[in-house]
Amino acid sequence: MTRGLSDDERRKQALEAIAEQDALPMEPLTVRIKTAVKLTGIGRSTLYELIQSGEIETIKIGRSTFIPYRCIKRLVER
């Protein structure tokens, strides 16, 4: 991708990449169960009960379970 580019062009691409990175959200999109337990202070069993009741949304990717960060924030803000 950078093959054949001058130093100025590479520098410009690097600065653009840094600018794009700064525009990304600082909060994660999702967290794993273990991280959600640490963030909320809620026990693992209670967290699974909240998931089972539908109060907390989850996303399964393969064998991994993720919780949208917005759901954790919403739970704590209530």
Protein backbone atom coordinates (compact mmCIF):
# COMPACT_ATOMS: atom_id res chain seq x y z
CA MET A 1 0.00 0.00 0.00
CA THR A 2 2.80 2.41 0.82
CA ARG A 3 5.20 0.94 -1.72
CA GLY A 4 6.42 3.54 -4.18
CA LEU A 5 5.23 6.51 -2.14
CA SER A 6 7.45 9.43 -1.35
CA ASP A 7 8.26 10.36 2.25
CA ASP A 8 5.84 13.29 2.06
CA GLU A 9 3.03 11.05 0.82
CA ARG A 10 3.71 8.52 3.59
CA ARG A 11 3.74 11.28 6.18
CA LYS A 12 0.44 12.60 4.83
CA GLN A 13 -1.12 9.12 5.00
CA ALA A 14 0.12 8.68 8.57
CA LEU A 15 -1.37 12.02 9.63
CA GLU A 16 -4.69 11.12 7.99
CA ALA A 17 -4.73 7.76 9.79
CA ILE A 18 -4.09 9.47 13.13
CA ALA A 19 -6.88 11.97 12.44
CA GLU A 20 -9.30 9.14 11.62
CA GLN A 21 -8.32 7.33 14.81
CA ASP A 22 -9.10 10.41 16.89
CA ALA A 23 -12.60 10.43 15.41
CA LEU A 24 -13.30 6.92 16.73
CA PRO A 25 -15.38 6.56 19.90
CA MET A 26 -13.33 6.14 23.07
CA GLU A 27 -15.83 3.73 24.63
CA PRO A 28 -15.79 0.12 23.50
CA LEU A 29 -18.72 -1.09 21.40
CA THR A 30 -18.99 -4.34 23.36
CA VAL A 31 -17.42 -6.04 26.35
CA ARG A 32 -17.16 -9.66 27.43
CA ILE A 33 -19.05 -10.99 30.44
CA LYS A 34 -15.92 -10.95 32.63
CA THR A 35 -15.31 -7.27 31.85
CA ALA A 36 -18.98 -6.39 32.44
CA VAL A 37 -18.76 -7.98 35.90
CA LYS A 38 -15.70 -5.86 36.72
CA LEU A 39 -17.21 -2.65 35.33
CA THR A 40 -20.54 -2.94 37.13
CA GLY A 41 -19.60 -4.72 40.33
CA ILE A 42 -22.57 -7.03 39.72
CA GLY A 43 -21.94 -10.69 40.35
CA ARG A 44 -21.61 -13.05 37.42
CA SER A 45 -24.77 -14.99 38.36
CA THR A 46 -26.79 -11.79 38.69
CA LEU A 47 -25.50 -10.60 35.34
CA TYR A 48 -26.61 -13.85 33.71
CA GLU A 49 -30.04 -13.46 35.38
CA LEU A 50 -30.33 -9.97 33.86
CA ILE A 51 -29.39 -11.39 30.48
CA GLN A 52 -31.93 -14.21 30.84
CA SER A 53 -34.69 -11.74 31.80
CA GLY A 54 -33.93 -9.60 28.74
CA GLU A 55 -32.78 -6.56 30.71
CA ILE A 56 -29.31 -6.83 29.18
CA GLU A 57 -28.80 -7.55 25.49
CA THR A 58 -26.08 -9.91 24.32
CA ILE A 59 -24.38 -10.68 21.03
CA LYS A 60 -23.00 -14.14 20.32
CA ILE A 61 -20.06 -14.46 17.96
CA GLY A 62 -18.98 -18.06 17.77
CA ARG A 63 -18.69 -19.25 21.35
CA SER A 64 -18.06 -15.77 22.74
CA THR A 65 -20.74 -13.66 24.39
CA PHE A 66 -20.53 -9.89 24.20
CA ILE A 67 -22.63 -7.21 25.88
CA PRO A 68 -23.09 -3.86 24.14
CA TYR A 69 -21.44 -1.19 26.27
CA ARG A 70 -24.52 1.03 25.95
CA CYS A 71 -26.56 -1.66 27.76
CA ILE A 72 -24.14 -1.63 30.69
CA LYS A 73 -24.25 2.16 30.89
CA ARG A 74 -28.05 2.11 30.78
CA LEU A 75 -28.17 -0.49 33.57
CA VAL A 76 -25.90 1.53 35.84
CA GLU A 77 -27.66 4.84 35.11
CA ARG A 78 -31.08 3.58 36.24
